[in-house]
Protein backbone atom coordinates (compact mmCIF):
# COMPACT_ATOMS: atom_id res chain seq x y z
CA UNK A 1 36.09 17.52 159.82
CA UNK A 2 39.73 17.70 158.82
CA UNK A 3 41.94 15.23 160.71
CA UNK A 4 43.99 18.01 162.32
CA UNK A 5 41.03 20.11 163.45
CA UNK A 6 40.80 20.39 167.25
CA UNK A 7 37.86 18.79 168.99
CA UNK A 8 35.30 21.38 170.09
CA UNK A 9 34.42 21.56 173.79
CA UNK A 10 30.92 22.86 174.44
CA UNK A 11 30.04 24.41 177.77
CA UNK A 12 27.13 21.99 178.17
CA UNK A 13 29.45 19.02 177.69
CA UNK A 14 31.96 20.43 180.15
CA UNK A 15 29.30 20.93 182.80
CA UNK A 16 27.94 17.43 182.16
CA UNK A 17 31.42 16.04 182.85
CA UNK A 18 31.67 17.86 186.17
CA UNK A 19 33.57 21.01 185.19
CA UNK A 20 32.32 24.38 186.39
CA UNK A 21 31.97 27.72 184.61
CA UNK A 22 34.70 29.07 186.87
CA UNK A 23 37.07 26.34 185.68
CA UNK A 24 36.27 27.02 182.02
CA UNK A 25 36.90 30.75 182.53
CA UNK A 26 40.16 30.04 184.38
CA UNK A 27 41.40 27.77 181.58
CA UNK A 28 40.66 30.54 179.09
CA UNK A 29 42.53 33.10 181.22
CA UNK A 30 45.62 30.92 181.62
CA UNK A 31 45.70 30.05 177.91
CA UNK A 32 44.75 26.38 178.11
CA UNK A 33 41.50 26.95 176.21
CA UNK A 34 40.60 29.26 173.35
CA UNK A 35 37.04 30.62 173.34
CA UNK A 36 35.70 30.31 169.80
CA UNK A 37 32.24 31.72 170.53
CA UNK A 38 30.10 31.92 173.66
CA UNK A 39 29.92 28.43 175.09
CA UNK A 40 32.34 26.74 172.67
CA UNK A 41 36.06 26.22 173.25
CA UNK A 42 39.06 24.39 171.82
CA UNK A 43 42.50 23.48 173.10
CA UNK A 44 44.84 26.45 172.67
CA UNK A 45 47.73 24.09 172.01
CA UNK A 46 45.81 22.44 169.17
CA UNK A 47 44.72 25.80 167.73
CA UNK A 48 48.31 27.04 167.72
CA UNK A 49 49.29 24.23 165.33
CA UNK A 50 46.88 25.48 162.66
CA UNK A 51 47.49 28.06 159.97
CA UNK A 52 45.19 31.07 159.65
CA UNK A 53 42.81 29.37 157.19
CA UNK A 54 42.57 26.23 159.32
CA UNK A 55 41.80 28.34 162.40
CA UNK A 56 39.03 30.08 160.49
CA UNK A 57 37.58 26.70 159.55
CA UNK A 58 37.41 25.68 163.21
CA UNK A 59 35.83 29.00 164.22
CA UNK A 60 33.30 28.65 161.38
CA UNK A 61 32.33 25.17 162.56
CA UNK A 62 31.81 26.47 166.08
CA UNK A 63 29.94 29.59 165.01
CA UNK A 64 27.42 28.12 162.59
CA UNK A 65 26.20 25.64 165.19
CA UNK A 66 24.81 28.56 167.18
CA UNK A 67 22.97 30.16 164.26
CA UNK A 68 19.55 29.65 162.68
CA UNK A 69 19.24 26.27 161.00
CA UNK A 70 18.86 27.83 157.54
CA UNK A 71 22.31 29.46 157.73
CA UNK A 72 24.72 28.18 155.07
CA UNK A 73 28.48 28.68 155.38
CA UNK A 74 29.49 30.66 152.32
CA UNK A 75 32.08 32.90 150.69
CA UNK A 76 35.49 32.69 152.38
CA UNK A 77 34.16 30.41 155.15
CA UNK A 78 33.01 27.86 152.56
CA UNK A 79 36.46 28.02 150.98
CA UNK A 80 38.03 27.30 154.37
CA UNK A 81 35.71 24.35 155.00
CA UNK A 82 36.76 22.86 151.66
CA UNK A 83 40.44 23.40 152.51
CA UNK A 84 40.98 25.68 149.50
CA UNK A 85 44.08 27.89 149.41
CA UNK A 86 43.36 31.35 150.81
CA UNK A 87 45.72 34.23 150.09
CA UNK A 88 45.61 37.79 151.44
CA UNK A 89 41.99 37.69 152.60
CA UNK A 90 40.44 39.01 155.82
CA UNK A 91 39.32 36.02 157.90
CA UNK A 92 38.13 37.91 160.95
CA UNK A 93 34.45 37.11 160.32
CA UNK A 94 32.53 33.93 159.57
CA UNK A 95 30.43 34.33 156.42
CA UNK A 96 26.98 32.77 156.13
CA UNK A 97 24.18 33.16 153.60
CA UNK A 98 20.48 33.08 154.50
CA UNK A 99 17.66 33.37 151.99
CA UNK A 100 15.18 36.03 153.01
CA UNK A 101 17.30 37.28 155.89
CA UNK A 102 18.54 40.82 156.44
CA UNK A 103 22.15 41.44 155.50
CA UNK A 104 24.12 42.41 158.57
CA UNK A 105 27.57 42.26 160.08
CA UNK A 106 28.79 41.89 163.65
CA UNK A 107 32.26 41.58 165.10
CA UNK A 108 32.23 37.83 164.41
CA UNK A 109 29.67 37.11 161.67
CA UNK A 110 28.74 38.55 158.30
CA UNK A 111 25.31 37.48 157.07
CA UNK A 112 24.61 37.71 153.33
CA UNK A 113 20.93 38.01 152.39
CA UNK A 114 21.03 36.41 148.96
CA UNK A 115 18.81 33.73 147.50
CA UNK A 116 20.34 30.28 147.56
CA UNK A 117 18.85 27.28 145.76
CA UNK A 118 18.91 23.75 147.22
CA UNK A 119 21.27 22.60 144.45
CA UNK A 120 23.79 25.23 145.59
CA UNK A 121 24.15 23.67 149.04
CA UNK A 122 26.32 20.71 149.99
CA UNK A 123 26.62 18.90 153.32
CA UNK A 124 30.27 18.75 154.41
CA UNK A 125 31.03 17.02 157.72
CA UNK A 126 27.47 17.73 158.81
CA UNK A 127 27.66 21.44 157.90
CA UNK A 128 25.58 23.20 155.25
CA UNK A 129 28.08 24.78 152.85
CA UNK A 130 27.71 26.45 149.45
CA UNK A 131 28.89 24.25 146.58
CA UNK A 132 32.29 25.01 145.03
CA UNK A 133 30.53 26.52 142.00
CA UNK A 134 28.39 28.87 144.10
CA UNK A 135 31.41 29.71 146.25
CA UNK A 136 33.38 30.85 143.19
CA UNK A 137 30.53 33.19 142.21
CA UNK A 138 30.15 34.57 145.74
CA UNK A 139 33.87 35.24 146.08
CA UNK A 140 33.98 36.82 142.65
CA UNK A 141 31.45 39.36 143.90
CA UNK A 142 33.18 39.92 147.25
CA UNK A 143 36.95 39.76 146.75
CA UNK A 144 39.49 41.50 144.53
CA UNK A 145 40.07 39.63 141.27
CA UNK A 146 43.44 38.11 142.24
CA UNK A 147 42.28 36.72 145.58
CA UNK A 148 39.11 35.30 144.04
CA UNK A 149 41.05 33.58 141.24
CA UNK A 150 43.47 31.95 143.69
CA UNK A 151 40.54 30.25 145.43
CA UNK A 152 38.50 29.74 142.27
CA UNK A 153 41.27 27.90 140.43
CA UNK A 154 41.48 25.38 143.28
CA UNK A 155 37.68 25.15 143.61
CA UNK A 156 37.34 24.01 140.00
CA UNK A 157 39.50 21.00 140.86
CA UNK A 158 37.05 19.99 143.59
CA UNK A 159 34.05 19.77 141.32
CA UNK A 160 34.19 19.02 137.61
CA UNK A 161 32.20 21.62 135.72
CA UNK A 162 32.14 24.01 138.69
CA UNK A 163 32.59 27.06 136.49
CA UNK A 164 29.72 25.96 134.25
CA UNK A 165 27.38 27.41 136.87
CA UNK A 166 27.45 31.01 135.68
CA UNK A 167 26.39 33.84 137.99
CA UNK A 168 23.26 34.54 135.92
CA UNK A 169 20.95 33.85 138.85
CA UNK A 170 22.39 36.97 140.49
CA UNK A 171 23.09 39.05 137.40
CA UNK A 172 21.24 42.06 138.81
CA UNK A 173 23.07 42.07 142.14
CA UNK A 174 26.05 44.24 142.94
CA UNK A 175 29.30 42.63 141.84
CA UNK A 176 27.73 40.38 139.20
CA UNK A 177 30.09 41.70 136.53
CA UNK A 178 33.12 41.01 138.69
CA UNK A 179 31.83 37.49 139.36
CA UNK A 180 31.47 36.84 135.63
CA UNK A 181 35.07 37.93 135.06
CA UNK A 182 36.30 35.52 137.72
CA UNK A 183 34.13 32.64 136.47
CA UNK A 184 35.39 33.11 132.92
CA UNK A 185 39.04 33.24 134.04
CA UNK A 186 39.46 30.47 136.62
CA UNK A 187 41.27 27.35 135.47
CA UNK A 188 41.86 24.24 137.54
CA UNK A 189 45.12 23.56 135.72
CA UNK A 190 46.76 26.23 137.88
CA UNK A 191 48.20 24.00 140.57
CA UNK A 192 49.26 26.47 143.27
CA UNK A 193 48.68 29.93 144.67
CA UNK A 194 51.83 31.10 142.90
CA UNK A 195 50.69 29.80 139.53
CA UNK A 196 47.26 31.41 139.94
CA UNK A 197 48.79 34.74 140.91
CA UNK A 198 51.18 34.46 137.95
CA UNK A 199 48.27 34.02 135.55
CA UNK A 200 46.57 37.08 137.00
CA UNK A 201 49.73 39.19 136.67
CA UNK A 202 50.19 38.09 133.04
CA UNK A 203 46.53 38.82 132.29
CA UNK A 204 46.50 42.25 133.96
CA UNK A 205 49.67 43.20 132.06
CA UNK A 206 47.88 42.48 128.78
CA UNK A 207 50.27 39.72 127.73
CA UNK A 208 49.05 36.72 125.69
CA UNK A 209 47.47 33.97 127.76
CA UNK A 210 49.74 30.93 128.19
CA UNK A 211 48.88 27.28 127.76
CA UNK A 212 49.01 25.50 131.13
CA UNK A 213 50.67 22.26 132.25
CA UNK A 214 52.09 21.26 128.88
CA UNK A 215 54.43 18.35 128.12
CA UNK A 216 57.40 19.44 126.05
CA UNK A 217 59.03 16.84 123.79
CA UNK A 218 62.38 16.68 122.08
CA UNK A 219 62.63 17.02 118.30
CA UNK A 220 62.74 13.20 118.24
CA UNK A 221 59.55 12.92 120.29
CA UNK A 222 61.06 12.00 123.65
CA UNK A 223 59.57 13.54 126.80
CA UNK A 224 61.57 16.43 128.24
CA UNK A 225 59.41 18.11 130.86
CA UNK A 226 55.97 19.22 131.99
CA UNK A 227 55.96 22.99 132.29
CA UNK A 228 53.74 25.48 134.12
CA UNK A 229 53.25 27.99 131.30
CA UNK A 230 53.96 27.79 127.59
CA UNK A 231 53.63 30.17 124.65
CA UNK A 232 54.12 28.07 121.50
CA UNK A 233 53.87 31.09 119.21
CA UNK A 234 56.99 32.56 120.83
CA UNK A 235 58.86 29.40 121.84
CA UNK A 236 58.76 30.56 125.48
CA UNK A 237 58.28 28.56 128.67
CA UNK A 238 57.38 30.20 131.99
CA UNK A 239 58.09 28.56 135.33
CA UNK A 240 57.00 29.73 138.78
CA UNK A 241 59.52 28.61 141.39
CA UNK A 242 57.92 28.21 144.79
CA UNK A 243 59.51 26.24 147.62
CA UNK A 244 56.49 23.92 147.63
CA UNK A 245 57.36 22.72 144.14
CA UNK A 246 60.71 21.35 145.29
CA UNK A 247 59.24 19.72 148.39
CA UNK A 248 56.34 18.27 146.37
CA UNK A 249 58.67 16.62 143.87
CA UNK A 250 60.92 14.94 146.42
CA UNK A 251 61.41 11.23 145.77
CA UNK A 252 62.32 8.86 148.63
CA UNK A 253 65.86 9.66 149.74
CA UNK A 254 66.01 12.94 147.82
CA UNK A 255 66.87 16.30 149.35
CA UNK A 256 65.65 19.71 148.11
CA UNK A 257 69.18 20.21 146.78
CA UNK A 258 68.84 17.09 144.64
CA UNK A 259 65.61 18.46 143.18
CA UNK A 260 67.27 21.80 142.40
CA UNK A 261 70.04 19.99 140.50
CA UNK A 262 67.48 17.90 138.60
CA UNK A 263 65.56 21.08 137.79
CA UNK A 264 68.73 22.66 136.38
CA UNK A 265 69.33 19.64 134.13
CA UNK A 266 65.68 19.75 133.06
CA UNK A 267 66.00 23.40 132.09
CA UNK A 268 69.22 22.69 130.19
CA UNK A 269 67.31 20.11 128.13
CA UNK A 270 64.54 22.59 127.34
CA UNK A 271 67.00 25.26 126.26
CA UNK A 272 68.91 22.73 124.14
CA UNK A 273 65.62 21.95 122.36
CA UNK A 274 65.33 25.63 121.42
CA UNK A 275 62.97 26.93 124.09
CA UNK A 276 63.50 30.16 126.02
CA UNK A 277 62.84 29.62 129.73
CA UNK A 278 61.76 32.48 132.00
CA UNK A 279 61.57 31.85 135.75
CA UNK A 280 60.14 33.87 138.62
CA UNK A 281 59.57 33.52 142.35
CA UNK A 282 57.32 34.78 145.15
CA UNK A 283 59.30 38.01 145.41
CA UNK A 284 58.73 38.63 141.69
CA UNK A 285 54.98 38.30 142.19
CA UNK A 286 55.11 40.99 144.87
CA UNK A 287 56.72 43.35 142.33
CA UNK A 288 55.83 41.76 138.96
CA UNK A 289 57.14 44.44 136.58
CA UNK A 290 60.59 42.82 136.25
CA UNK A 291 59.48 39.29 135.39
CA UNK A 292 56.80 40.60 133.04
CA UNK A 293 59.46 42.58 131.20
CA UNK A 294 61.59 39.42 130.95
CA UNK A 295 58.62 37.71 129.33
CA UNK A 296 58.15 40.57 126.87
CA UNK A 297 61.81 40.39 125.83
CA UNK A 298 61.57 36.62 125.44
CA UNK A 299 58.47 36.98 123.26
CA UNK A 300 60.31 39.45 121.04
CA UNK A 301 63.29 37.16 120.42
CA UNK A 302 61.83 33.63 120.52
CA UNK A 303 60.99 31.27 117.66
CA UNK A 304 57.61 29.54 117.32
CA UNK A 305 57.39 25.99 118.73
CA UNK A 306 60.99 24.80 118.45
CA UNK A 307 60.01 21.22 119.48
CA UNK A 308 56.77 19.21 119.79
CA UNK A 309 54.34 19.62 122.71
CA UNK A 310 51.20 17.95 124.02
CA UNK A 311 48.72 18.63 126.84
CA UNK A 312 50.12 17.47 130.17
């Protein structure tokens, strides 16, 4: 269980401590408790502190405890249990997989009837959850490419070799081709949702694939910077600017403004070494045509590898 997950209150525990059903219903009506599923509640105040993915994780924990013992949390619910970044995905239903079951969907639960091997199951905080590798394959079959890559990139950082488990066991099932495309594309070196979405936009536009997380050196061999995206053949560096980057890089006593100034000096050093730097933000990802065109222009005018580089 994540440290900020609310404690679950089960009806049986409440009754054992002297509370009545009427009291539990009244606390739900007045907003003190949130009903997660029949007979399971959590503090509404605690639930309000969570983001949408964290709330889904709590609901998934509560829901699976009322299901058949062979149910395995899977797909987007497995991603939530692992704390993976989830972007633009419907979280209204808890997803479970059961071998030999009938696929069905209710208002709260979607059951996937797909074979699942013992080596594709992991115990996480007492819950049966699909492994990161299996989760990538499942999401590749279920979600649009971009959403699946966002989660898949992060999942590969949880488990070394996660993408080595190819979706061949389910190659005859619907969506197997989409899963293979996701498995072949995910890369744990993408360090944020924005970087993953950037890679997808670049790929869909048909632009050359960048190298990721590369150290750029000066012509004398001194370290200049570690960059998100790099195209040595064009002498172009790409940088996704999300607010999280500036917060993440704060040193003790630094403000976000200090980081912005340091970033400007860093970029000046890269340009002085002969690199062309192209930046984009969240708003650019929503309408990517403009930043993709900036990349195309930079590719057309850049010079190959103006200074040394090495893997970051």
